Each structure stands twice: as C-alpha cells, then as structure tokens.
Amino acid sequence: MKISSLSQACAILSATLVLSACSHSQQGVSTQIAPGTAALPVLSADEANNFTAKSYLAFGGPSLQVQQQGWSPVLAKTDGISTEFVVGPKKGVDGAAYTTVQQAVNAALSKHNHGEREYIKILPGTYSGAVYIPAGAPPISLFGTGDSADQVVLQQGLEAAVTPAAYRATLNPHGEFLPGDRAWYMFNQCGKQPTDSIGVSCSATLWSQAAGLQLQNLTISNSLQDSSDAASHPAAALRLDGDQSLLDNVHVLGRENTLLLTTSDIKNQPVTQRYNRVYVHNSLIVGDVDYVTGRANAVFDHVEFHTVSSRGVKQANVFAPVTPANISYGFLVIDSNLTGDKGFSGEGAAQKALLGRSVDLGAEKGGYVPGQTPNGQLVIRDSQIDGSYHLQQPWGEAAYSERPFSGNIAPNRNLNDSSFNRLWQYNNVFAGAK
C-alpha cells in the first residue's frame, strides 16, 4: 500500500473540538464488510487505520510530504476576547466600528499586516458583500457572537457565468476594494480577466488565500441558490486557498460547488509544490451538485452534509474531489451525517442522490490517463447515511472524462492503484434503509 500508516489519535483540542473520532455519534451497527463490491468498495479495519484525521493532517502544508510535526488544529479562544475590529449592522451600536466585514478585514491588515492572530468580531445580522482575505495576511479569526451560527450571515449572490463587468458592479459599487488594499489583487484579477465569465473560483462569498484562517459560529451563503434553474450554475459560498484553515460551528450554504477547497497561488493558478489542509468541525454544508469540491486535504469531523432537491437537478451528489494522482489524501469524512430532503427521501421520491464522484479535470470524454489525470480520493467512515442516497451504487461516473466508477476489490489491493477509483467507505450505518 503506497500510503503512510500513521496511528489514530484522539487529541482534545479545546472544550468542544476533537481532532479525530474518539466516539461514535451514530446509532446502530454497520453492516459494511470489506472488500465490498466494485460499485461500493469497503475498507478493512487494517486499511482504515491509514485514514484518520491525524494521517490526513500530517500530510501536505508546505510540501507534498508527511510533516514530522503534522498539524493538530486548535481553535483560538474568542470568549471575552478584546478587539477593536467589531462589525455590526449599525456603526457605534454595541461597539461596532464597521458595518461590513471587508472594512474590518482591511482595517486589521492595514494596522497589522503580519504576526499574531487578529480577531474580527461580528455581531448578529446579515451582511451582504464579498469578503476577501489575501495571501500573506496574519492568521485571522472571524467569529459570530450570536447564540447560533445562523444569527450571523455573510452572503453574496454570484455565479460562475456572470461577466467581469457584472462582477465589478456587484462587488465594488461603493469602493469596497481599492488599489492599495491588501485584497485588491484578488478583486482586480477576477474583475479584469479577458473572459466572458468570471468562473466559479471568483464567485465565492468568502475567499481566503491566507494561512491560519479560523471561522467560528457564523453562516456563509451564496444567496443565488434557488433563483437559478436546474441547469449547471456553479456558485461557491466559501473558497479556501490557505493552509491550516479551520471551521467550527459554521454553516456553508449554496447549491452547486458550495465549498471550494483549492491550492492556488496569487495569480489564481494551481500549484504543485504544496498542498493545503482544512479541518471542518461541528458544521453544516448544504448543496445539490458537487457541493464539496476541490484540490486540497480536508477532514470533516461531526459535519452534516445536507443535499437539497429544490432546483430539481438531474443528478445530485455531495463530493467531487480533484485529488492529484500522485497524492494519497483528499477528503476524509468521519463521525458525520449525510442527509437529504424529502425530494430524495420522502414517499414517492423520483430520485436518489449520490455520495459523489471523481473530477477528472483536464480529461475529455474517454480521456482518463491513469497516473496523470486527477483521481479523486475520499473516505467516508464511522458515519450515518440516510435513505436519500443510492446505498448500493453511491458513486457516479467521473466528471469530464465520464469514466464509469470502478472500485478495487482485489486481494492485497493497492488503495492508490490509478486504474481504479479511490472513493471508499468504512463502518458506516444506513439510517432508514430497508
């Protein structure tokens, strides 16, 4: 097996944040038995030992290797934190110095462009407009002060198909982004590109290229949602390019490409010498098509993935990893719940959702090249999957190449054999299955 075997660890990071699956949140006993089937490959216990939060988060970061120290995510404490960067619906009320999050980000970066963590406190309310955090910024914590994540909402409604001119008019009507701002290059790059549309990478409501970003107790929404029809309308809510990004109690809401995790440079181009890491805990992600996607190393711990049928898309699915063929780790889902609305799970539902598919980026139909084309990697383990999903054939054909799903069930299998898909399950429970 061409992956590093690292032992599972149960390190408590804060009062509520736990690195890896120390307890089982699901009800019932799993019926999954290795090696599974070609349509639903299942890991053995020994194989699953290679796929833990610790093993994923030890890989990547500044290089494409296992780091000796790894990364143990620690949520910065915000209780009682004193900060001058307070955002509220009305300036001067409850200490609010800014009425948009981007204003507070710009002010924090103007005063401290590197060094210790900066805290931006967001009072309950709905804030429209994009939030961009540039590369090289100090570690930043954006935290909502409401009683729940849905009391602080950051929203913007852009999709991949809008023109650069429409993007500029939407995001910068009152000079929210100006030359000299640290995040100007991000806005300018998307708004000045010589193309007919901005693409999904520029559609995000919150886009960070900085390392060490922490988001806590808030909602990030691409408000396009059901205003679009059932056709393809990629529209990211959250895009993360920086290493060691951490989300805790965050709701990420959208439809197609809701959460976009990438490893890109300041020119918006993918890089191959490093690999970003993301840890998502105690959160909710909502969408309908490829709504957790990208090229990065991500661990989802105690997360609900909720698939919605409201747009009536032809085929809904959750995950769409774009893992490079030479990298062993993509997405890990652990102690989580995968649910769907009544359009998938109700009586007389016309269709079932899929758990995911590989994104064979750069390959035309029939053009998948083993070892060269990206081959998405994902493990869903110790989780609960409801009846909204195809339980025996949960994986779809790959995007772009249309490669039919094929799991490796051979004895002594190589889990990274590029002739097969790398989408796996282990010890999951099917809720409501008959």
Protein backbone atom coordinates (compact mmCIF):
# COMPACT_ATOMS: atom_id res chain seq x y z
CA MET A 1 0.00 0.00 0.00
CA LYS A 2 1.63 3.26 -1.08
CA ILE A 3 0.48 5.42 1.79
CA SER A 4 1.94 6.23 5.17
CA SER A 5 0.38 4.26 8.01
CA LEU A 6 0.00 6.56 10.98
CA SER A 7 -1.75 5.62 14.19
CA GLN A 8 -5.12 7.13 15.07
CA ALA A 9 -5.01 9.78 17.80
CA CYS A 10 -7.76 11.22 19.97
CA ALA A 11 -6.32 14.58 20.99
CA ILE A 12 -8.71 17.03 22.62
CA LEU A 13 -8.05 20.48 21.19
CA SER A 14 -10.48 22.61 23.18
CA ALA A 15 -13.54 22.13 25.32
CA THR A 16 -15.54 21.01 22.28
CA LEU A 17 -13.07 20.46 19.43
CA VAL A 18 -11.66 16.96 18.96
CA LEU A 19 -9.08 16.03 16.34
CA SER A 20 -10.21 12.55 15.45
CA ALA A 21 -13.13 10.24 16.00
CA CYS A 22 -12.87 9.30 19.67
CA SER A 23 -16.56 8.45 19.99
CA HIS A 24 -19.29 7.16 17.76
CA SER A 25 -22.11 9.62 17.07
CA GLN A 26 -24.22 7.22 15.03
CA GLN A 27 -26.90 4.77 16.08
CA GLY A 28 -26.85 1.11 15.13
CA VAL A 29 -24.18 -1.29 13.89
CA SER A 30 -22.55 -1.13 10.49
CA THR A 31 -23.23 -3.92 8.04
CA GLN A 32 -20.37 -2.96 5.72
CA ILE A 33 -17.91 -5.78 5.09
CA ALA A 34 -14.60 -5.47 3.21
CA PRO A 35 -13.81 -5.59 0.37
CA GLY A 36 -17.36 -4.63 -0.63
CA THR A 37 -18.27 -4.55 -4.30
CA ALA A 38 -16.89 -2.80 -7.36
CA ALA A 39 -19.78 -0.35 -7.03
CA LEU A 40 -19.34 0.10 -3.28
CA PRO A 41 -15.78 -0.73 -2.16
CA VAL A 42 -15.34 -1.07 1.62
CA LEU A 43 -12.10 -0.79 3.59
CA SER A 44 -10.98 -3.41 6.08
CA ALA A 45 -10.14 -2.34 9.63
CA ASP A 46 -6.42 -2.55 8.85
CA GLU A 47 -6.85 -0.46 5.71
CA ALA A 48 -8.97 2.07 7.56
CA ASN A 49 -6.16 2.62 10.06
CA ASN A 50 -4.37 4.56 7.33
CA PHE A 51 -7.23 7.04 7.00
CA THR A 52 -7.55 9.04 10.21
CA ALA A 53 -7.67 12.75 10.91
CA LYS A 54 -4.10 12.55 12.16
CA SER A 55 -2.80 10.90 8.99
CA TYR A 56 -4.58 13.35 6.70
CA LEU A 57 -3.47 16.45 8.58
CA ALA A 58 0.14 15.27 8.84
CA PHE A 59 0.41 15.31 5.06
CA GLY A 60 0.89 18.42 2.95
CA GLY A 61 1.13 22.01 4.03
CA PRO A 62 4.42 23.47 2.77
CA SER A 63 5.33 20.36 0.77
CA LEU A 64 3.93 17.15 -0.65
CA GLN A 65 5.24 15.02 2.20
CA VAL A 66 4.27 13.84 5.65
CA GLN A 67 5.32 16.54 8.12
CA GLN A 68 7.13 15.33 11.22
CA GLN A 69 5.05 17.58 13.48
CA GLY A 70 1.86 17.32 11.45
CA TRP A 71 -0.97 19.72 12.23
CA SER A 72 -3.20 19.45 15.29
CA PRO A 73 -5.95 22.05 14.81
CA VAL A 74 -6.53 24.21 17.87
CA LEU A 75 -9.48 26.58 17.91
CA ALA A 76 -8.45 30.01 19.18
CA LYS A 77 -10.50 31.07 22.19
CA THR A 78 -12.80 34.01 21.47
CA ASP A 79 -14.71 34.19 24.76
CA GLY A 80 -14.00 37.57 26.29
CA ILE A 81 -11.55 38.50 23.56
CA SER A 82 -10.91 42.24 23.28
CA THR A 83 -10.65 43.51 19.72
CA GLU A 84 -11.04 46.87 18.03
CA PHE A 85 -12.34 45.18 14.90
CA VAL A 86 -16.06 44.82 15.61
CA VAL A 87 -18.65 44.58 12.81
CA GLY A 88 -22.32 45.37 13.34
CA PRO A 89 -25.44 46.41 11.43
CA LYS A 90 -25.12 49.97 12.77
CA LYS A 91 -21.87 51.75 13.46
CA GLY A 92 -21.46 52.82 17.07
CA VAL A 93 -24.02 50.37 18.44
CA ASP A 94 -22.71 47.62 20.72
CA GLY A 95 -19.17 48.64 19.92
CA ALA A 96 -19.45 48.25 16.16
CA ALA A 97 -16.71 50.18 14.36
CA TYR A 98 -17.53 48.77 10.90
CA THR A 99 -20.69 47.85 9.02
CA THR A 100 -19.11 45.35 6.59
CA VAL A 101 -16.72 42.51 7.27
CA GLN A 102 -14.42 43.60 4.44
CA GLN A 103 -13.98 47.01 6.07
CA ALA A 104 -12.83 45.30 9.25
CA VAL A 105 -10.50 42.97 7.35
CA ASN A 106 -8.95 45.93 5.52
CA ALA A 107 -8.50 47.84 8.76
CA ALA A 108 -6.92 44.89 10.53
CA LEU A 109 -4.48 44.30 7.67
CA SER A 110 -3.64 47.99 7.47
CA LYS A 111 -2.72 48.07 11.14
CA HIS A 112 -1.08 44.64 11.40
CA ASN A 113 -0.01 43.10 8.11
CA HIS A 114 1.72 40.11 9.69
CA GLY A 115 2.43 38.46 13.02
CA GLU A 116 -0.01 37.44 15.75
CA ARG A 117 -3.61 36.37 15.17
CA GLU A 118 -6.17 39.12 14.53
CA TYR A 119 -9.74 38.76 15.78
CA ILE A 120 -12.75 40.19 13.95
CA LYS A 121 -15.94 40.10 16.00
CA ILE A 122 -19.22 40.04 14.08
CA LEU A 123 -22.46 41.00 15.81
CA PRO A 124 -25.75 39.30 14.86
CA GLY A 125 -27.07 40.44 11.49
CA THR A 126 -26.98 39.76 7.76
CA TYR A 127 -24.04 41.25 5.87
CA SER A 128 -24.15 41.42 2.07
CA GLY A 129 -20.96 41.64 0.05
CA ALA A 130 -17.86 39.59 -0.57
CA VAL A 131 -15.10 39.06 1.98
CA TYR A 132 -11.58 38.58 0.62
CA ILE A 133 -8.55 37.76 2.78
CA PRO A 134 -5.25 37.94 0.85
CA ALA A 135 -2.20 35.72 0.89
CA GLY A 136 0.40 36.74 3.43
CA ALA A 137 -2.15 38.08 5.91
CA PRO A 138 -1.65 37.22 9.57
CA PRO A 139 -3.83 34.43 10.96
CA ILE A 140 -7.37 35.82 11.23
CA SER A 141 -10.37 34.68 13.28
CA LEU A 142 -13.81 35.73 12.09
CA PHE A 143 -16.30 34.86 14.81
CA GLY A 144 -20.01 35.50 15.21
CA THR A 145 -21.43 36.48 18.58
CA GLY A 146 -24.96 35.15 18.12
CA ASP A 147 -26.46 32.27 20.05
CA SER A 148 -26.24 30.13 16.91
CA ALA A 149 -24.41 30.10 13.58
CA ASP A 150 -27.49 31.31 11.66
CA GLN A 151 -27.63 34.62 13.55
CA VAL A 152 -24.56 35.97 11.72
CA VAL A 153 -24.88 35.62 7.95
CA LEU A 154 -22.34 36.65 5.30
CA GLN A 155 -23.99 36.49 1.89
CA GLN A 156 -23.45 37.34 -1.76
CA GLY A 157 -25.16 36.01 -4.88
CA LEU A 158 -22.71 35.47 -7.73
CA GLU A 159 -22.32 32.56 -10.11
CA ALA A 160 -19.56 31.42 -12.43
CA ALA A 161 -21.37 32.67 -15.55
CA VAL A 162 -21.55 36.37 -14.66
CA THR A 163 -19.39 38.73 -16.69
CA PRO A 164 -16.38 40.53 -15.25
CA ALA A 165 -18.30 43.81 -15.67
CA ALA A 166 -21.25 42.48 -13.67
CA TYR A 167 -18.84 41.16 -11.05
CA ARG A 168 -17.22 44.59 -10.67
CA ALA A 169 -20.58 46.32 -10.39
CA THR A 170 -21.84 43.84 -7.81
CA LEU A 171 -18.80 43.66 -5.55
CA ASN A 172 -17.46 47.19 -5.71
CA PRO A 173 -20.32 49.69 -6.10
CA HIS A 174 -19.05 51.94 -3.28
CA GLY A 175 -15.30 51.32 -3.43
CA GLU A 176 -15.23 48.31 -1.14
CA PHE A 177 -12.00 47.28 -2.91
CA LEU A 178 -9.46 49.97 -3.80
CA PRO A 179 -5.88 49.99 -5.14
CA GLY A 180 -3.57 49.80 -2.18
CA ASP A 181 -5.83 47.43 -0.23
CA ARG A 182 -4.14 44.13 0.51
CA ALA A 183 -7.04 42.26 -1.11
CA TRP A 184 -7.14 44.49 -4.19
CA TYR A 185 -5.23 41.96 -6.31
CA MET A 186 -7.95 39.34 -5.71
CA PHE A 187 -10.78 41.62 -6.80
CA ASN A 188 -8.81 43.10 -9.69
CA GLN A 189 -7.77 39.74 -11.04
CA CYS A 190 -11.35 38.48 -11.19
CA GLY A 191 -12.81 41.76 -12.42
CA LYS A 192 -10.28 42.41 -15.18
CA GLN A 193 -9.86 38.97 -16.71
CA PRO A 194 -10.30 38.88 -20.52
CA THR A 195 -13.05 36.27 -20.49
CA ASP A 196 -16.82 36.24 -20.93
CA SER A 197 -17.39 34.96 -17.39
CA ILE A 198 -15.59 35.02 -14.06
CA GLY A 199 -15.63 31.27 -13.38
CA VAL A 200 -16.56 29.51 -10.17
CA SER A 201 -13.30 30.40 -8.42
CA CYS A 202 -14.30 34.09 -8.41
CA SER A 203 -17.90 33.53 -7.32
CA ALA A 204 -17.26 32.86 -3.63
CA THR A 205 -18.85 34.99 -0.93
CA LEU A 206 -15.81 34.49 1.31
CA TRP A 207 -12.44 33.80 -0.33
CA SER A 208 -9.27 33.41 1.69
CA GLN A 209 -5.75 32.84 0.45
CA ALA A 210 -4.23 33.31 3.91
CA ALA A 211 -2.89 30.56 6.16
CA GLY A 212 -4.37 30.00 9.59
CA LEU A 213 -7.86 31.34 8.90
CA GLN A 214 -10.44 30.39 11.54
CA LEU A 215 -14.20 30.79 11.08
CA GLN A 216 -16.49 30.28 14.05
CA ASN A 217 -20.22 30.48 14.81
CA LEU A 218 -21.46 32.03 11.57
CA THR A 219 -23.09 31.31 8.22
CA ILE A 220 -21.57 31.84 4.78
CA SER A 221 -24.08 31.76 1.95
CA ASN A 222 -24.06 32.10 -1.79
CA SER A 223 -27.55 33.56 -1.98
CA LEU A 224 -28.05 32.64 -5.65
CA GLN A 225 -29.43 29.26 -4.52
CA ASP A 226 -32.92 28.53 -5.93
CA SER A 227 -33.04 31.70 -8.03
CA SER A 228 -31.19 29.61 -10.63
CA ASP A 229 -32.78 26.80 -12.63
CA ALA A 230 -31.79 23.13 -12.68
CA ALA A 231 -29.02 23.67 -15.23
CA SER A 232 -25.38 23.96 -14.23
CA HIS A 233 -24.87 27.09 -12.14
CA PRO A 234 -21.61 26.78 -10.17
CA ALA A 235 -21.72 29.33 -7.36
CA ALA A 236 -19.33 28.94 -4.42
CA ALA A 237 -20.14 30.20 -0.95
CA LEU A 238 -16.70 29.62 0.57
CA ARG A 239 -13.34 29.25 -1.14
CA LEU A 240 -10.21 28.42 0.83
CA ASP A 241 -6.70 28.56 -0.65
CA GLY A 242 -4.65 28.84 2.55
CA ASP A 243 -3.09 26.10 4.64
CA GLN A 244 -4.43 25.22 8.10
CA SER A 245 -7.91 26.68 7.66
CA LEU A 246 -10.29 25.72 10.48
CA LEU A 247 -14.09 25.94 10.62
CA ASP A 248 -16.07 25.32 13.79
CA ASN A 249 -19.86 25.67 14.02
CA VAL A 250 -20.10 27.17 10.55
CA HIS A 251 -23.00 26.80 8.09
CA VAL A 252 -21.94 26.88 4.43
CA LEU A 253 -24.99 27.25 2.19
CA GLY A 254 -25.35 27.06 -1.57
CA ARG A 255 -26.25 24.73 -4.37
CA GLU A 256 -23.55 23.76 -6.94
CA ASN A 257 -19.91 23.96 -5.70
CA THR A 258 -20.90 25.36 -2.30
CA LEU A 259 -17.49 24.69 -0.70
CA LEU A 260 -14.40 25.05 -2.90
CA LEU A 261 -11.07 23.93 -1.43
CA THR A 262 -8.03 24.69 -3.56
CA THR A 263 -4.28 25.01 -3.52
CA SER A 264 -3.66 28.05 -5.73
CA ASP A 265 -1.26 30.98 -5.94
CA ILE A 266 -1.91 34.73 -6.06
CA LYS A 267 -2.41 34.51 -9.82
CA ASN A 268 -5.27 32.08 -9.25
CA GLN A 269 -3.27 29.21 -10.72
CA PRO A 270 -2.94 25.74 -9.15
CA VAL A 271 0.43 24.98 -7.57
CA THR A 272 2.04 21.55 -7.28
CA GLN A 273 4.79 22.04 -4.69
CA ARG A 274 2.46 22.31 -1.67
CA TYR A 275 -0.96 21.06 -0.60
CA ASN A 276 -3.34 22.96 1.65
CA ARG A 277 -5.07 21.44 4.68
CA VAL A 278 -8.55 22.20 6.03
CA TYR A 279 -10.32 21.00 9.18
CA VAL A 280 -14.12 21.37 9.47
CA HIS A 281 -15.82 20.56 12.77
CA ASN A 282 -19.38 20.64 14.09
CA SER A 283 -20.70 22.33 10.95
CA LEU A 284 -23.38 22.15 8.24
CA ILE A 285 -22.82 22.14 4.47
CA VAL A 286 -25.81 22.38 2.10
CA GLY A 287 -25.96 21.98 -1.67
CA ASP A 288 -27.03 19.82 -4.60
CA VAL A 289 -24.27 19.21 -7.20
CA ASP A 290 -20.56 18.65 -6.46
CA TYR A 291 -21.06 20.83 -3.43
CA VAL A 292 -17.87 19.84 -1.62
CA THR A 293 -15.13 20.00 -4.20
CA GLY A 294 -11.56 20.90 -4.89
CA ARG A 295 -7.90 20.06 -4.69
CA ALA A 296 -6.83 20.07 -1.05
CA ASN A 297 -6.54 17.87 2.01
CA ALA A 298 -9.69 18.20 4.13
CA VAL A 299 -11.03 16.50 7.26
CA PHE A 300 -14.75 16.79 8.06
CA ASP A 301 -15.43 15.81 11.66
CA HIS A 302 -19.00 15.79 13.05
CA VAL A 303 -20.37 17.59 10.00
CA GLU A 304 -23.83 17.34 8.45
CA PHE A 305 -23.93 17.27 4.65
CA HIS A 306 -27.49 18.06 3.55
CA THR A 307 -28.48 17.55 -0.08
CA VAL A 308 -31.47 19.53 -1.35
CA SER A 309 -33.78 18.78 -4.27
CA SER A 310 -35.33 22.25 -4.60
CA ARG A 311 -33.76 23.03 -8.00
CA GLY A 312 -34.72 19.66 -9.47
CA VAL A 313 -31.24 18.91 -10.78
CA LYS A 314 -30.85 15.79 -12.90
CA GLN A 315 -28.34 14.18 -10.56
CA ALA A 316 -27.40 15.46 -7.12
CA ASN A 317 -24.17 14.46 -5.37
CA VAL A 318 -22.14 15.64 -2.40
CA PHE A 319 -18.42 15.20 -3.01
CA ALA A 320 -16.28 15.97 -6.06
CA PRO A 321 -12.60 15.69 -5.10
CA VAL A 322 -9.94 16.71 -7.63
CA THR A 323 -7.07 14.88 -5.94
CA PRO A 324 -3.84 14.69 -7.97
CA ALA A 325 -2.96 11.14 -8.95
CA ASN A 326 0.31 11.19 -7.01
CA ILE A 327 -1.29 12.27 -3.70
CA SER A 328 -2.78 9.74 -1.31
CA TYR A 329 -5.08 12.05 0.65
CA GLY A 330 -8.06 14.10 -0.47
CA PHE A 331 -11.19 14.26 1.72
CA LEU A 332 -11.92 12.40 4.97
CA VAL A 333 -15.43 12.34 6.46
CA ILE A 334 -15.60 10.99 10.00
CA ASP A 335 -18.40 10.72 12.59
CA SER A 336 -20.70 12.74 10.35
CA ASN A 337 -24.25 12.62 8.96
CA LEU A 338 -25.25 12.63 5.31
CA THR A 339 -28.88 13.61 4.87
CA GLY A 340 -31.27 14.76 2.17
CA ASP A 341 -34.62 16.49 1.95
CA LYS A 342 -37.95 14.85 1.10
CA GLY A 343 -37.27 15.15 -2.61
CA PHE A 344 -34.84 12.26 -2.15
CA SER A 345 -36.09 10.53 0.99
CA GLY A 346 -39.85 11.13 1.02
CA GLU A 347 -42.54 8.74 -0.12
CA GLY A 348 -42.64 8.60 -3.90
CA ALA A 349 -39.31 10.43 -4.32
CA ALA A 350 -38.38 10.35 -8.00
CA GLN A 351 -34.63 10.00 -7.50
CA LYS A 352 -31.84 9.33 -5.04
CA ALA A 353 -28.75 11.44 -4.56
CA LEU A 354 -25.20 10.11 -4.95
CA LEU A 355 -22.43 10.46 -2.42
CA GLY A 356 -20.00 11.75 -5.01
CA ARG A 357 -17.76 11.31 -8.00
CA SER A 358 -14.20 11.95 -9.03
CA VAL A 359 -13.41 15.09 -11.01
CA ASP A 360 -11.09 14.06 -13.84
CA LEU A 361 -10.02 17.62 -14.50
CA GLY A 362 -8.32 18.15 -17.85
CA ALA A 363 -9.64 14.93 -19.40
CA GLU A 364 -12.15 14.91 -22.20
CA LYS A 365 -14.73 12.13 -22.56
CA GLY A 366 -12.84 8.83 -22.52
CA GLY A 367 -9.57 10.65 -21.91
CA TYR A 368 -8.68 9.50 -18.41
CA VAL A 369 -4.98 8.60 -18.20
CA PRO A 370 -4.05 6.52 -15.13
CA GLY A 371 -1.32 8.16 -13.10
CA GLN A 372 -1.65 11.50 -14.88
CA THR A 373 -5.30 12.59 -14.70
CA PRO A 374 -6.50 13.62 -11.21
CA ASN A 375 -8.15 10.70 -9.41
CA GLY A 376 -10.36 11.93 -6.57
CA GLN A 377 -9.65 10.45 -3.11
CA LEU A 378 -12.30 10.27 -0.37
CA VAL A 379 -13.03 8.11 2.67
CA ILE A 380 -16.39 8.24 4.48
CA ARG A 381 -16.11 6.38 7.75
CA ASP A 382 -17.90 5.90 11.08
CA SER A 383 -20.79 7.98 9.78
CA GLN A 384 -24.54 7.78 9.22
CA ILE A 385 -26.02 7.93 5.72
CA ASP A 386 -29.77 8.26 5.34
CA GLY A 387 -32.10 6.86 2.70
CA SER A 388 -31.74 9.91 0.45
CA TYR A 389 -28.74 8.25 -1.22
CA HIS A 390 -28.21 5.28 -3.51
CA LEU A 391 -26.87 2.92 -0.89
CA GLN A 392 -25.60 0.10 -3.13
CA GLN A 393 -24.39 2.26 -6.02
CA PRO A 394 -23.50 5.55 -4.29
CA TRP A 395 -20.81 6.79 -6.67
CA GLY A 396 -21.25 8.39 -10.09
CA GLU A 397 -19.17 8.42 -13.22
CA ALA A 398 -16.33 10.92 -13.17
CA ALA A 399 -16.86 14.49 -14.29
CA TYR A 400 -15.35 15.47 -17.66
CA SER A 401 -13.96 12.04 -18.65
CA GLU A 402 -17.27 10.24 -17.88
CA ARG A 403 -15.18 7.34 -16.56
CA PRO A 404 -17.55 4.76 -15.04
CA PHE A 405 -16.97 4.19 -11.34
CA SER A 406 -14.89 1.11 -10.58
CA GLY A 407 -13.66 0.23 -7.10
CA ASN A 408 -10.74 -2.07 -6.37
CA ILE A 409 -11.86 -5.22 -4.53
CA ALA A 410 -8.85 -7.41 -5.33
CA PRO A 411 -6.98 -9.27 -2.58
CA ASN A 412 -3.93 -7.34 -1.30
CA ARG A 413 -5.18 -4.34 -3.24
CA ASN A 414 -3.19 -1.14 -3.67
CA LEU A 415 -5.53 1.60 -2.44
CA ASN A 416 -3.84 4.07 -4.80
CA ASP A 417 -3.98 1.95 -7.95
CA SER A 418 -4.85 4.61 -10.52
CA SER A 419 -6.69 2.08 -12.68
CA PHE A 420 -9.50 2.26 -10.10
CA ASN A 421 -11.46 4.97 -8.31
CA ARG A 422 -10.37 5.98 -4.80
CA LEU A 423 -13.75 6.61 -3.18
CA TRP A 424 -14.13 4.41 -0.11
CA GLN A 425 -16.41 3.66 2.82
CA TYR A 426 -15.80 2.08 6.21
CA ASN A 427 -18.06 1.25 9.18
CA ASN A 428 -20.99 3.40 8.09
CA VAL A 429 -24.60 2.97 9.19
CA PHE A 430 -27.53 3.38 6.79
CA ALA A 431 -30.40 5.15 8.53
CA GLY A 432 -33.86 4.32 7.27
CA ALA A 433 -32.59 1.71 4.81
CA LYS A 434 -34.90 -1.22 4.10
